[in-house]
Amino acid sequence: MAFLKDTLATPGASGARRLVSVVFRTSNVIVTVSYEEQTTTSAEVPDSRELQEKARNLARLLAERLEE
């Protein structure tokens, strides 16, 4: 079982910031994977789908390694 949290900070003069975290438990270990991206302009917003995919893929790889 895993939990995913996707947070977008309010865009400001310095850009927008998105933080995606995946938390999972395996082999009695709780693991948190976080991906963060910040844009340089307020007109751009970091892509939620891309960051979620990166966080999930890394979490999947870590889970496989922990189960070895």
N, C-alpha and C. Protein backbone atom coordinates (compact mmCIF):
# COMPACT_ATOMS: atom_id res chain seq x y z
N MET A 1 0.85 -1.17 0.00
CA MET A 1 0.00 0.00 0.00
C MET A 1 0.90 1.23 0.00
N ALA A 2 0.53 2.23 -0.79
CA ALA A 2 1.31 3.47 -0.86
C ALA A 2 0.36 4.65 -0.82
N PHE A 3 0.90 5.77 -0.37
CA PHE A 3 0.14 7.01 -0.33
C PHE A 3 0.88 8.05 -1.16
N LEU A 4 0.14 8.82 -1.93
CA LEU A 4 0.72 9.86 -2.77
C LEU A 4 0.13 11.20 -2.39
N LYS A 5 1.01 12.20 -2.26
CA LYS A 5 0.56 13.56 -1.96
C LYS A 5 1.17 14.48 -3.00
N ASP A 6 0.34 15.31 -3.61
CA ASP A 6 0.77 16.23 -4.66
C ASP A 6 0.34 17.63 -4.24
N THR A 7 1.33 18.51 -3.99
CA THR A 7 1.05 19.84 -3.50
C THR A 7 1.64 20.88 -4.46
N LEU A 8 0.81 21.85 -4.83
CA LEU A 8 1.26 22.96 -5.67
C LEU A 8 1.24 24.22 -4.83
N ALA A 9 2.43 24.84 -4.67
CA ALA A 9 2.51 26.11 -3.94
C ALA A 9 1.99 27.21 -4.85
N THR A 10 1.34 28.19 -4.28
CA THR A 10 0.77 29.29 -5.04
C THR A 10 1.84 29.98 -5.87
N PRO A 11 1.61 30.08 -7.19
CA PRO A 11 2.59 30.75 -8.03
C PRO A 11 2.79 32.20 -7.58
N GLY A 12 4.04 32.61 -7.55
CA GLY A 12 4.36 33.98 -7.18
C GLY A 12 5.35 34.56 -8.17
N ALA A 13 5.98 35.62 -7.80
CA ALA A 13 6.93 36.28 -8.69
C ALA A 13 8.12 35.39 -9.03
N SER A 14 8.47 34.50 -8.11
CA SER A 14 9.62 33.62 -8.34
C SER A 14 9.25 32.31 -9.00
N GLY A 15 7.99 32.12 -9.39
CA GLY A 15 7.56 30.89 -10.04
C GLY A 15 6.66 30.05 -9.17
N ALA A 16 6.35 28.86 -9.66
CA ALA A 16 5.48 27.93 -8.94
C ALA A 16 6.32 26.73 -8.49
N ARG A 17 5.90 26.11 -7.38
CA ARG A 17 6.62 24.96 -6.84
C ARG A 17 5.64 23.82 -6.61
N ARG A 18 5.99 22.64 -7.11
CA ARG A 18 5.16 21.45 -6.90
C ARG A 18 6.01 20.41 -6.18
N LEU A 19 5.42 19.80 -5.16
CA LEU A 19 6.08 18.74 -4.39
C LEU A 19 5.20 17.50 -4.44
N VAL A 20 5.77 16.39 -4.89
CA VAL A 20 5.07 15.12 -4.94
C VAL A 20 5.80 14.16 -4.01
N SER A 21 5.06 13.55 -3.09
CA SER A 21 5.64 12.58 -2.15
C SER A 21 4.88 11.27 -2.24
N VAL A 22 5.64 10.18 -2.21
CA VAL A 22 5.07 8.83 -2.16
C VAL A 22 5.61 8.18 -0.90
N VAL A 23 4.72 7.66 -0.08
CA VAL A 23 5.12 6.98 1.15
C VAL A 23 4.61 5.54 1.06
N PHE A 24 5.52 4.59 1.33
CA PHE A 24 5.11 3.19 1.31
C PHE A 24 5.85 2.42 2.39
N ARG A 25 5.33 1.23 2.69
CA ARG A 25 5.92 0.37 3.71
C ARG A 25 6.24 -0.97 3.07
N THR A 26 7.45 -1.43 3.32
CA THR A 26 7.84 -2.75 2.84
C THR A 26 8.89 -3.31 3.80
N SER A 27 8.83 -4.58 4.07
CA SER A 27 9.80 -5.25 4.94
C SER A 27 10.02 -4.48 6.24
N ASN A 28 8.94 -4.02 6.84
CA ASN A 28 8.99 -3.26 8.10
C ASN A 28 9.81 -1.98 8.01
N VAL A 29 9.86 -1.40 6.82
CA VAL A 29 10.54 -0.13 6.60
C VAL A 29 9.55 0.83 5.97
N ILE A 30 9.49 2.04 6.51
CA ILE A 30 8.65 3.08 5.91
C ILE A 30 9.56 3.98 5.08
N VAL A 31 9.20 4.15 3.81
CA VAL A 31 10.02 4.91 2.87
C VAL A 31 9.22 6.09 2.33
N THR A 32 9.86 7.26 2.25
CA THR A 32 9.25 8.44 1.64
C THR A 32 10.12 8.88 0.48
N VAL A 33 9.50 8.99 -0.70
CA VAL A 33 10.18 9.49 -1.89
C VAL A 33 9.54 10.82 -2.24
N SER A 34 10.36 11.86 -2.38
CA SER A 34 9.83 13.18 -2.71
C SER A 34 10.51 13.72 -3.96
N TYR A 35 9.70 14.27 -4.84
CA TYR A 35 10.18 14.96 -6.02
C TYR A 35 9.66 16.38 -5.95
N GLU A 36 10.53 17.34 -6.20
CA GLU A 36 10.13 18.74 -6.16
C GLU A 36 10.64 19.43 -7.42
N GLU A 37 9.80 20.30 -7.97
CA GLU A 37 10.20 21.09 -9.14
C GLU A 37 9.70 22.51 -8.96
N GLN A 38 10.54 23.45 -9.31
CA GLN A 38 10.15 24.85 -9.24
C GLN A 38 10.43 25.51 -10.58
N THR A 39 9.46 26.28 -11.06
CA THR A 39 9.63 26.99 -12.31
C THR A 39 10.24 28.36 -12.04
N THR A 40 10.72 28.99 -13.09
CA THR A 40 11.37 30.29 -12.93
C THR A 40 10.42 31.45 -13.19
N THR A 41 9.26 31.15 -13.78
CA THR A 41 8.28 32.21 -14.03
C THR A 41 6.94 31.80 -13.47
N SER A 42 6.12 32.78 -13.14
CA SER A 42 4.81 32.47 -12.56
C SER A 42 3.83 31.95 -13.61
N ALA A 43 4.14 32.11 -14.90
CA ALA A 43 3.24 31.65 -15.96
C ALA A 43 3.31 30.13 -16.14
N GLU A 44 4.41 29.51 -15.72
CA GLU A 44 4.59 28.07 -15.86
C GLU A 44 4.22 27.36 -14.56
N VAL A 45 3.67 26.16 -14.70
CA VAL A 45 3.35 25.33 -13.54
C VAL A 45 3.97 23.96 -13.76
N PRO A 46 4.71 23.41 -12.79
CA PRO A 46 5.31 22.08 -12.94
C PRO A 46 4.23 21.03 -13.21
N ASP A 47 4.56 20.09 -14.10
CA ASP A 47 3.62 19.06 -14.52
C ASP A 47 3.40 18.02 -13.42
N SER A 48 2.17 17.90 -12.97
CA SER A 48 1.81 16.98 -11.90
C SER A 48 2.02 15.53 -12.33
N ARG A 49 1.54 15.18 -13.51
CA ARG A 49 1.61 13.79 -13.98
C ARG A 49 3.06 13.32 -14.08
N GLU A 50 3.93 14.16 -14.63
CA GLU A 50 5.34 13.79 -14.79
C GLU A 50 6.02 13.56 -13.45
N LEU A 51 5.81 14.45 -12.50
CA LEU A 51 6.44 14.29 -11.19
C LEU A 51 5.89 13.09 -10.44
N GLN A 52 4.58 12.84 -10.55
CA GLN A 52 4.00 11.66 -9.90
C GLN A 52 4.58 10.39 -10.49
N GLU A 53 4.74 10.35 -11.80
CA GLU A 53 5.30 9.18 -12.46
C GLU A 53 6.74 8.93 -12.00
N LYS A 54 7.54 9.99 -11.92
CA LYS A 54 8.92 9.85 -11.46
C LYS A 54 8.97 9.34 -10.02
N ALA A 55 8.14 9.88 -9.16
CA ALA A 55 8.13 9.46 -7.75
C ALA A 55 7.67 8.01 -7.62
N ARG A 56 6.64 7.63 -8.35
CA ARG A 56 6.16 6.23 -8.31
C ARG A 56 7.21 5.26 -8.82
N ASN A 57 7.87 5.61 -9.93
CA ASN A 57 8.89 4.73 -10.49
C ASN A 57 10.05 4.53 -9.52
N LEU A 58 10.51 5.60 -8.90
CA LEU A 58 11.59 5.48 -7.93
C LEU A 58 11.15 4.67 -6.72
N ALA A 59 9.92 4.89 -6.25
CA ALA A 59 9.40 4.11 -5.12
C ALA A 59 9.33 2.63 -5.48
N ARG A 60 8.91 2.32 -6.70
CA ARG A 60 8.83 0.92 -7.15
C ARG A 60 10.23 0.28 -7.16
N LEU A 61 11.21 1.00 -7.68
CA LEU A 61 12.59 0.48 -7.71
C LEU A 61 13.13 0.25 -6.30
N LEU A 62 12.88 1.20 -5.40
CA LEU A 62 13.33 1.03 -4.02
C LEU A 62 12.66 -0.16 -3.34
N ALA A 63 11.38 -0.32 -3.56
CA ALA A 63 10.65 -1.44 -2.96
C ALA A 63 11.21 -2.77 -3.45
N GLU A 64 11.53 -2.85 -4.74
CA GLU A 64 12.11 -4.08 -5.28
C GLU A 64 13.46 -4.37 -4.64
N ARG A 65 14.27 -3.32 -4.47
CA ARG A 65 15.60 -3.51 -3.86
C ARG A 65 15.48 -3.93 -2.40
N LEU A 66 14.53 -3.38 -1.68
CA LEU A 66 14.36 -3.71 -0.26
C LEU A 66 13.86 -5.13 -0.07
N GLU A 67 13.16 -5.66 -1.06
CA GLU A 67 12.63 -7.02 -0.96
C GLU A 67 13.65 -8.08 -1.33
N GLU A 68 14.81 -7.69 -1.85
CA GLU A 68 15.83 -8.67 -2.24
C GLU A 68 16.46 -9.32 -1.03
